[in-house]
Amino acid sequence: MNLPILSLPKENSCGCADNIPSEANECMCPATGLVQIIGRKYALRLLTVIGEHETIRFNDLKSVMDDMSSSTLTIRLAELERAGLISRQTYAETPPRVEYALTKEGSELRQSLFALSKYASQNPEVAH
């Protein structure tokens, strides 16, 4: 199945990463691809839901994400997997069983997002 997967930039859009003179002037360009992934509709919610479970099956995700179509869920899961934030385990059973879990990187990102959420709740004028 050929799904429309979001592509991740291979290098910084401004090329400034090689020209950073010190840590005080850090460039945010490396976050561009990450923002593209987590900025997609439902992506943050999926990271939250998957992170609340050790593993979760597709149909269980679908029931939690009841306002999301199956095709959109499939696409978002593929994007998050391609970004290395979730893992997908397929079991050769009848019927087939597929389980999703956060990777180490996904778990670290999820923890980092809690700080961003805290900032947003303390600064509602920025968050809206």
C-alpha atoms as a PDB file:
ATOM      1  CA  MET A   1       0.000   0.000   0.000  1.00  0.00           C
ATOM      2  CA  ASN A   2       1.471   3.351  -1.037  1.00  0.00           C
ATOM      3  CA  LEU A   3       0.581   5.874   1.675  1.00  0.00           C
ATOM      4  CA  PRO A   4       1.199   9.622   1.410  1.00  0.00           C
ATOM      5  CA  ILE A   5       3.915   9.926   4.050  1.00  0.00           C
ATOM      6  CA  LEU A   6       5.233  13.303   5.118  1.00  0.00           C
ATOM      7  CA  SER A   7       8.864  13.648   4.101  1.00  0.00           C
ATOM      8  CA  LEU A   8      11.439  14.768   6.629  1.00  0.00           C
ATOM      9  CA  PRO A   9      13.979  17.406   5.590  1.00  0.00           C
ATOM     10  CA  LYS A  10      17.444  15.908   5.128  1.00  0.00           C
ATOM     11  CA  GLU A  11      19.186  19.139   6.121  1.00  0.00           C
ATOM     12  CA  ASN A  12      18.375  22.447   7.721  1.00  0.00           C
ATOM     13  CA  SER A  13      16.366  24.785   5.548  1.00  0.00           C
ATOM     14  CA  CYS A  14      18.613  27.774   6.231  1.00  0.00           C
ATOM     15  CA  GLY A  15      21.897  25.857   6.427  1.00  0.00           C
ATOM     16  CA  CYS A  16      22.835  27.725   9.576  1.00  0.00           C
ATOM     17  CA  ALA A  17      23.726  24.627  11.626  1.00  0.00           C
ATOM     18  CA  ASP A  18      27.274  24.680  10.244  1.00  0.00           C
ATOM     19  CA  ASN A  19      27.635  28.385  11.017  1.00  0.00           C
ATOM     20  CA  ILE A  20      26.594  28.421  14.685  1.00  0.00           C
ATOM     21  CA  PRO A  21      29.399  30.206  16.566  1.00  0.00           C
ATOM     22  CA  SER A  22      28.292  29.196  20.069  1.00  0.00           C
ATOM     23  CA  GLU A  23      25.562  27.463  22.022  1.00  0.00           C
ATOM     24  CA  ALA A  24      24.117  30.881  22.887  1.00  0.00           C
ATOM     25  CA  ASN A  25      23.045  31.320  19.255  1.00  0.00           C
ATOM     26  CA  GLU A  26      21.525  27.892  18.663  1.00  0.00           C
ATOM     27  CA  CYS A  27      19.493  27.440  15.518  1.00  0.00           C
ATOM     28  CA  MET A  28      16.023  25.924  15.696  1.00  0.00           C
ATOM     29  CA  CYS A  29      16.152  24.594  12.133  1.00  0.00           C
ATOM     30  CA  PRO A  30      16.733  20.980  13.251  1.00  0.00           C
ATOM     31  CA  ALA A  31      13.270  21.074  14.846  1.00  0.00           C
ATOM     32  CA  THR A  32      11.590  21.867  11.522  1.00  0.00           C
ATOM     33  CA  GLY A  33      10.973  18.238  10.544  1.00  0.00           C
ATOM     34  CA  LEU A  34       9.819  17.389  14.048  1.00  0.00           C
ATOM     35  CA  VAL A  35       7.357  20.277  14.084  1.00  0.00           C
ATOM     36  CA  GLN A  36       6.032  19.122  10.710  1.00  0.00           C
ATOM     37  CA  ILE A  37       5.366  15.659  12.152  1.00  0.00           C
ATOM     38  CA  ILE A  38       3.898  16.592  15.545  1.00  0.00           C
ATOM     39  CA  GLY A  39       2.011  19.527  14.061  1.00  0.00           C
ATOM     40  CA  ARG A  40      -0.134  17.200  11.965  1.00  0.00           C
ATOM     41  CA  LYS A  41      -3.722  16.780  13.116  1.00  0.00           C
ATOM     42  CA  TYR A  42      -4.021  14.039  15.765  1.00  0.00           C
ATOM     43  CA  ALA A  43      -0.248  13.427  16.032  1.00  0.00           C
ATOM     44  CA  LEU A  44       0.133  14.786  19.573  1.00  0.00           C
ATOM     45  CA  ARG A  45      -2.981  12.970  20.707  1.00  0.00           C
ATOM     46  CA  LEU A  46      -1.653   9.717  19.249  1.00  0.00           C
ATOM     47  CA  LEU A  47       1.684  10.140  21.039  1.00  0.00           C
ATOM     48  CA  THR A  48      -0.211  10.732  24.263  1.00  0.00           C
ATOM     49  CA  VAL A  49      -2.539   7.746  23.872  1.00  0.00           C
ATOM     50  CA  ILE A  50       0.183   5.340  22.741  1.00  0.00           C
ATOM     51  CA  GLY A  51       2.416   6.562  25.576  1.00  0.00           C
ATOM     52  CA  GLU A  52      -0.273   5.765  28.141  1.00  0.00           C
ATOM     53  CA  HIS A  53       0.023   2.076  27.195  1.00  0.00           C
ATOM     54  CA  GLU A  54       2.945  -0.306  26.980  1.00  0.00           C
ATOM     55  CA  THR A  55       1.491  -1.459  23.648  1.00  0.00           C
ATOM     56  CA  ILE A  56      -1.810  -0.723  21.976  1.00  0.00           C
ATOM     57  CA  ARG A  57      -3.607  -2.375  19.091  1.00  0.00           C
ATOM     58  CA  PHE A  58      -4.950  -0.547  16.040  1.00  0.00           C
ATOM     59  CA  ASN A  59      -8.621  -1.124  16.903  1.00  0.00           C
ATOM     60  CA  ASP A  60      -8.072   0.094  20.456  1.00  0.00           C
ATOM     61  CA  LEU A  61      -6.476   3.253  19.067  1.00  0.00           C
ATOM     62  CA  LYS A  62      -9.369   3.621  16.658  1.00  0.00           C
ATOM     63  CA  SER A  63     -11.901   3.413  19.486  1.00  0.00           C
ATOM     64  CA  VAL A  64     -10.033   6.059  21.522  1.00  0.00           C
ATOM     65  CA  MET A  65      -9.592   8.273  18.452  1.00  0.00           C
ATOM     66  CA  ASP A  66     -13.247   7.909  17.479  1.00  0.00           C
ATOM     67  CA  ASP A  67     -13.370  11.193  15.553  1.00  0.00           C
ATOM     68  CA  MET A  68     -10.544  10.035  13.274  1.00  0.00           C
ATOM     69  CA  SER A  69     -11.036   7.958  10.134  1.00  0.00           C
ATOM     70  CA  SER A  70      -9.221   4.642   9.802  1.00  0.00           C
ATOM     71  CA  SER A  71      -7.309   5.899   6.772  1.00  0.00           C
ATOM     72  CA  THR A  72      -6.094   9.021   8.598  1.00  0.00           C
ATOM     73  CA  LEU A  73      -5.116   6.893  11.588  1.00  0.00           C
ATOM     74  CA  THR A  74      -3.121   4.593   9.308  1.00  0.00           C
ATOM     75  CA  ILE A  75      -1.352   7.556   7.700  1.00  0.00           C
ATOM     76  CA  ARG A  76      -0.515   9.240  11.028  1.00  0.00           C
ATOM     77  CA  LEU A  77       0.801   5.978  12.481  1.00  0.00           C
ATOM     78  CA  ALA A  78       2.997   5.463   9.404  1.00  0.00           C
ATOM     79  CA  GLU A  79       4.341   9.033   9.696  1.00  0.00           C
ATOM     80  CA  LEU A  80       5.144   8.598  13.384  1.00  0.00           C
ATOM     81  CA  GLU A  81       6.766   5.233  12.691  1.00  0.00           C
ATOM     82  CA  ARG A  82       8.851   6.645   9.836  1.00  0.00           C
ATOM     83  CA  ALA A  83       9.954   9.494  12.131  1.00  0.00           C
ATOM     84  CA  GLY A  84      11.146   6.876  14.642  1.00  0.00           C
ATOM     85  CA  LEU A  85       8.683   7.933  17.343  1.00  0.00           C
ATOM     86  CA  ILE A  86       6.616   4.732  17.448  1.00  0.00           C
ATOM     87  CA  SER A  87       7.255   1.099  16.632  1.00  0.00           C
ATOM     88  CA  ARG A  88       4.886  -1.282  14.895  1.00  0.00           C
ATOM     89  CA  GLN A  89       4.865  -4.988  15.690  1.00  0.00           C
ATOM     90  CA  THR A  90       2.919  -7.351  13.420  1.00  0.00           C
ATOM     91  CA  TYR A  91       1.985 -10.837  14.605  1.00  0.00           C
ATOM     92  CA  ALA A  92       1.292 -13.628  12.112  1.00  0.00           C
ATOM     93  CA  GLU A  93      -2.013 -14.685  13.610  1.00  0.00           C
ATOM     94  CA  THR A  94      -5.513 -15.106  12.294  1.00  0.00           C
ATOM     95  CA  PRO A  95      -6.854 -12.477  12.398  1.00  0.00           C
ATOM     96  CA  PRO A  96      -3.594 -10.487  12.089  1.00  0.00           C
ATOM     97  CA  ARG A  97      -2.600  -8.521  15.162  1.00  0.00           C
ATOM     98  CA  VAL A  98      -0.686  -5.235  15.021  1.00  0.00           C
ATOM     99  CA  GLU A  99       0.533  -3.419  18.106  1.00  0.00           C
ATOM    100  CA  TYR A 100       2.074   0.025  18.460  1.00  0.00           C
ATOM    101  CA  ALA A 101       4.383   1.360  21.159  1.00  0.00           C
ATOM    102  CA  LEU A 102       6.497   4.452  21.692  1.00  0.00           C
ATOM    103  CA  THR A 103      10.166   4.106  20.871  1.00  0.00           C
ATOM    104  CA  LYS A 104      12.767   5.469  23.266  1.00  0.00           C
ATOM    105  CA  GLU A 105      12.852   8.643  21.159  1.00  0.00           C
ATOM    106  CA  GLY A 106       9.055   8.875  21.170  1.00  0.00           C
ATOM    107  CA  SER A 107       8.977   8.505  24.922  1.00  0.00           C
ATOM    108  CA  GLU A 108      11.633  11.214  25.337  1.00  0.00           C
ATOM    109  CA  LEU A 109       9.706  13.516  23.005  1.00  0.00           C
ATOM    110  CA  ARG A 110       6.485  12.854  24.902  1.00  0.00           C
ATOM    111  CA  GLN A 111       8.180  13.846  28.155  1.00  0.00           C
ATOM    112  CA  SER A 112       9.547  17.015  26.521  1.00  0.00           C
ATOM    113  CA  LEU A 113       6.092  17.895  25.252  1.00  0.00           C
ATOM    114  CA  PHE A 114       4.784  17.963  28.828  1.00  0.00           C
ATOM    115  CA  ALA A 115       7.071  20.953  29.485  1.00  0.00           C
ATOM    116  CA  LEU A 116       5.739  22.652  26.349  1.00  0.00           C
ATOM    117  CA  SER A 117       2.184  21.937  27.476  1.00  0.00           C
ATOM    118  CA  LYS A 118       2.931  23.418  30.889  1.00  0.00           C
ATOM    119  CA  TYR A 119       4.306  26.542  29.220  1.00  0.00           C
ATOM    120  CA  ALA A 120       1.194  26.796  27.022  1.00  0.00           C
ATOM    121  CA  SER A 121      -1.140  26.482  30.015  1.00  0.00           C
ATOM    122  CA  GLN A 122       0.764  29.236  31.853  1.00  0.00           C
ATOM    123  CA  ASN A 123       0.781  31.486  28.776  1.00  0.00           C
ATOM    124  CA  PRO A 124      -2.660  31.107  27.161  1.00  0.00           C
ATOM    125  CA  GLU A 125      -2.205  34.224  25.044  1.00  0.00           C
ATOM    126  CA  VAL A 126       0.675  32.476  23.228  1.00  0.00           C
ATOM    127  CA  ALA A 127      -1.088  29.124  22.933  1.00  0.00           C
ATOM    128  CA  HIS A 128      -4.195  30.433  21.154  1.00  0.00           C
END
